[in-house]
C-alpha atoms as a PDB file:
ATOM      1  CA  UNK A   1       1.143 -46.915 -51.887  1.00  0.00           C
ATOM      2  CA  UNK A   2      -0.207 -47.939 -54.988  1.00  0.00           C
ATOM      3  CA  UNK A   3      -0.758 -51.589 -54.672  1.00  0.00           C
ATOM      4  CA  UNK A   4      -1.872 -53.622 -51.600  1.00  0.00           C
ATOM      5  CA  UNK A   5      -1.183 -57.020 -51.638  1.00  0.00           C
ATOM      6  CA  UNK A   6      -3.839 -59.618 -51.651  1.00  0.00           C
ATOM      7  CA  UNK A   7      -4.753 -60.333 -47.803  1.00  0.00           C
ATOM      8  CA  UNK A   8      -4.943 -57.030 -46.930  1.00  0.00           C
ATOM      9  CA  UNK A   9      -6.834 -53.903 -46.617  1.00  0.00           C
ATOM     10  CA  UNK A  10      -6.665 -49.828 -46.011  1.00  0.00           C
ATOM     11  CA  UNK A  11      -8.584 -48.918 -42.887  1.00  0.00           C
ATOM     12  CA  UNK A  12      -8.250 -45.338 -41.607  1.00  0.00           C
ATOM     13  CA  UNK A  13      -5.001 -45.229 -43.782  1.00  0.00           C
ATOM     14  CA  UNK A  14      -3.222 -48.152 -41.824  1.00  0.00           C
ATOM     15  CA  UNK A  15      -2.126 -51.383 -43.519  1.00  0.00           C
ATOM     16  CA  UNK A  16      -4.385 -54.085 -41.945  1.00  0.00           C
ATOM     17  CA  UNK A  17      -5.264 -57.793 -41.984  1.00  0.00           C
ATOM     18  CA  UNK A  18      -8.227 -58.754 -44.566  1.00  0.00           C
ATOM     19  CA  UNK A  19      -8.939 -61.656 -42.119  1.00  0.00           C
ATOM     20  CA  UNK A  20     -10.676 -63.521 -44.749  1.00  0.00           C
ATOM     21  CA  UNK A  21      -8.171 -63.001 -47.637  1.00  0.00           C
ATOM     22  CA  UNK A  22      -5.264 -63.548 -44.902  1.00  0.00           C
ATOM     23  CA  UNK A  23      -6.987 -66.753 -43.920  1.00  0.00           C
ATOM     24  CA  UNK A  24      -7.163 -67.797 -48.054  1.00  0.00           C
ATOM     25  CA  UNK A  25      -3.408 -66.944 -48.286  1.00  0.00           C
ATOM     26  CA  UNK A  26      -2.652 -69.568 -45.378  1.00  0.00           C
ATOM     27  CA  UNK A  27      -4.398 -72.092 -47.144  1.00  0.00           C
ATOM     28  CA  UNK A  28      -2.818 -71.026 -50.493  1.00  0.00           C
ATOM     29  CA  UNK A  29       0.959 -71.489 -48.822  1.00  0.00           C
ATOM     30  CA  UNK A  30       0.090 -74.780 -46.917  1.00  0.00           C
ATOM     31  CA  UNK A  31      -1.994 -76.075 -50.400  1.00  0.00           C
ATOM     32  CA  UNK A  32       1.229 -75.264 -52.393  1.00  0.00           C
ATOM     33  CA  UNK A  33       3.437 -76.991 -50.305  1.00  0.00           C
ATOM     34  CA  UNK A  34       1.884 -79.920 -50.041  1.00  0.00           C
ATOM     35  CA  UNK A  35       2.404 -80.680 -53.720  1.00  0.00           C
ATOM     36  CA  UNK A  36      -0.902 -78.680 -55.507  1.00  0.00           C
ATOM     37  CA  UNK A  37       0.358 -76.219 -58.629  1.00  0.00           C
ATOM     38  CA  UNK A  38      -0.254 -72.586 -58.142  1.00  0.00           C
ATOM     39  CA  UNK A  39      -3.720 -72.315 -59.962  1.00  0.00           C
ATOM     40  CA  UNK A  40      -4.834 -75.376 -57.831  1.00  0.00           C
ATOM     41  CA  UNK A  41      -3.704 -74.286 -54.429  1.00  0.00           C
ATOM     42  CA  UNK A  42      -5.193 -71.119 -55.643  1.00  0.00           C
ATOM     43  CA  UNK A  43      -8.440 -72.279 -56.286  1.00  0.00           C
ATOM     44  CA  UNK A  44      -8.762 -74.962 -53.604  1.00  0.00           C
ATOM     45  CA  UNK A  45      -7.719 -71.698 -50.719  1.00  0.00           C
ATOM     46  CA  UNK A  46     -10.475 -69.523 -52.910  1.00  0.00           C
ATOM     47  CA  UNK A  47      -8.081 -67.172 -54.355  1.00  0.00           C
ATOM     48  CA  UNK A  48      -9.654 -66.300 -57.772  1.00  0.00           C
ATOM     49  CA  UNK A  49      -6.532 -64.957 -59.442  1.00  0.00           C
ATOM     50  CA  UNK A  50      -4.348 -65.459 -62.563  1.00  0.00           C
ATOM     51  CA  UNK A  51      -1.262 -68.111 -62.628  1.00  0.00           C
ATOM     52  CA  UNK A  52       0.988 -64.684 -62.269  1.00  0.00           C
ATOM     53  CA  UNK A  53      -0.615 -63.487 -59.452  1.00  0.00           C
ATOM     54  CA  UNK A  54      -0.392 -66.806 -57.191  1.00  0.00           C
ATOM     55  CA  UNK A  55       2.752 -66.728 -58.048  1.00  0.00           C
ATOM     56  CA  UNK A  56       3.970 -63.379 -56.805  1.00  0.00           C
ATOM     57  CA  UNK A  57       1.617 -64.154 -53.706  1.00  0.00           C
ATOM     58  CA  UNK A  58       3.914 -66.698 -53.066  1.00  0.00           C
ATOM     59  CA  UNK A  59       6.943 -64.781 -53.498  1.00  0.00           C
ATOM     60  CA  UNK A  60       5.727 -62.115 -51.564  1.00  0.00           C
ATOM     61  CA  UNK A  61       8.144 -60.761 -48.657  1.00  0.00           C
ATOM     62  CA  UNK A  62       5.612 -58.796 -46.850  1.00  0.00           C
ATOM     63  CA  UNK A  63       3.762 -61.369 -45.720  1.00  0.00           C
ATOM     64  CA  UNK A  64       6.834 -61.995 -43.168  1.00  0.00           C
ATOM     65  CA  UNK A  65       5.524 -58.594 -42.143  1.00  0.00           C
ATOM     66  CA  UNK A  66       7.228 -55.147 -41.769  1.00  0.00           C
ATOM     67  CA  UNK A  67       6.830 -51.819 -40.936  1.00  0.00           C
ATOM     68  CA  UNK A  68       4.032 -51.475 -43.372  1.00  0.00           C
ATOM     69  CA  UNK A  69       2.179 -55.142 -43.187  1.00  0.00           C
ATOM     70  CA  UNK A  70       1.511 -57.121 -40.231  1.00  0.00           C
ATOM     71  CA  UNK A  71       2.811 -60.884 -40.628  1.00  0.00           C
ATOM     72  CA  UNK A  72       0.573 -63.051 -42.282  1.00  0.00           C
ATOM     73  CA  UNK A  73       2.871 -66.232 -43.416  1.00  0.00           C
ATOM     74  CA  UNK A  74       5.433 -67.262 -40.666  1.00  0.00           C
ATOM     75  CA  UNK A  75       9.038 -67.361 -41.982  1.00  0.00           C
ATOM     76  CA  UNK A  76       8.973 -71.045 -41.721  1.00  0.00           C
ATOM     77  CA  UNK A  77       6.152 -71.417 -44.011  1.00  0.00           C
ATOM     78  CA  UNK A  78       7.061 -69.111 -46.477  1.00  0.00           C
ATOM     79  CA  UNK A  79      11.136 -70.664 -46.414  1.00  0.00           C
ATOM     80  CA  UNK A  80       9.430 -74.021 -47.225  1.00  0.00           C
ATOM     81  CA  UNK A  81       7.224 -72.341 -49.985  1.00  0.00           C
ATOM     82  CA  UNK A  82       9.874 -71.000 -51.421  1.00  0.00           C
ATOM     83  CA  UNK A  83      12.270 -73.944 -51.151  1.00  0.00           C
ATOM     84  CA  UNK A  84       9.503 -76.391 -52.997  1.00  0.00           C
ATOM     85  CA  UNK A  85       9.159 -73.205 -55.633  1.00  0.00           C
ATOM     86  CA  UNK A  86      13.107 -73.254 -56.659  1.00  0.00           C
ATOM     87  CA  UNK A  87      12.775 -77.269 -56.669  1.00  0.00           C
ATOM     88  CA  UNK A  88       9.890 -76.963 -59.124  1.00  0.00           C
ATOM     89  CA  UNK A  89      11.646 -74.579 -61.174  1.00  0.00           C
ATOM     90  CA  UNK A  90      15.396 -76.814 -61.491  1.00  0.00           C
ATOM     91  CA  UNK A  91      12.950 -80.218 -61.769  1.00  0.00           C
ATOM     92  CA  UNK A  92      11.338 -78.450 -64.926  1.00  0.00           C
ATOM     93  CA  UNK A  93      14.403 -77.136 -66.456  1.00  0.00           C
ATOM     94  CA  UNK A  94      13.491 -73.466 -65.640  1.00  0.00           C
ATOM     95  CA  UNK A  95      16.964 -72.672 -64.302  1.00  0.00           C
ATOM     96  CA  UNK A  96      16.889 -68.924 -66.204  1.00  0.00           C
ATOM     97  CA  UNK A  97      14.192 -67.951 -63.494  1.00  0.00           C
ATOM     98  CA  UNK A  98      16.115 -69.321 -60.585  1.00  0.00           C
ATOM     99  CA  UNK A  99      19.069 -67.429 -62.285  1.00  0.00           C
ATOM    100  CA  UNK A 100      16.795 -64.121 -62.212  1.00  0.00           C
ATOM    101  CA  UNK A 101      16.250 -64.072 -58.148  1.00  0.00           C
ATOM    102  CA  UNK A 102      20.000 -65.270 -57.359  1.00  0.00           C
ATOM    103  CA  UNK A 103      21.765 -62.697 -59.940  1.00  0.00           C
ATOM    104  CA  UNK A 104      23.217 -59.909 -58.328  1.00  0.00           C
ATOM    105  CA  UNK A 105      21.586 -56.463 -59.021  1.00  0.00           C
ATOM    106  CA  UNK A 106      23.016 -54.087 -61.624  1.00  0.00           C
ATOM    107  CA  UNK A 107      24.371 -52.276 -58.668  1.00  0.00           C
ATOM    108  CA  UNK A 108      26.610 -55.324 -57.063  1.00  0.00           C
ATOM    109  CA  UNK A 109      28.033 -56.204 -60.639  1.00  0.00           C
ATOM    110  CA  UNK A 110      29.415 -52.642 -60.913  1.00  0.00           C
ATOM    111  CA  UNK A 111      31.226 -52.566 -57.097  1.00  0.00           C
END
């Protein structure tokens, strides 16, 4: 595993929740949903990362939990953040960004 998302750590070879950072991730999602920008929400949550990293945190489905990662964010919160992100992108005319996430993969195009 080359990359561990913010909010997790490796302990005894297993991915575990970094409680402090996970709390910051939760606050970040709440602040973003409440209307703050990625950067401001991250700053207020105490996450010192770039705008692009904050965007990746917002879209990272691993925060919902899976076989490798314990859940940090519930599905309702994650979905609400995605809804807000999509609405903001549309309102700002960033249709290409939205299309990139909804376009079929190259493999699906040839089926």
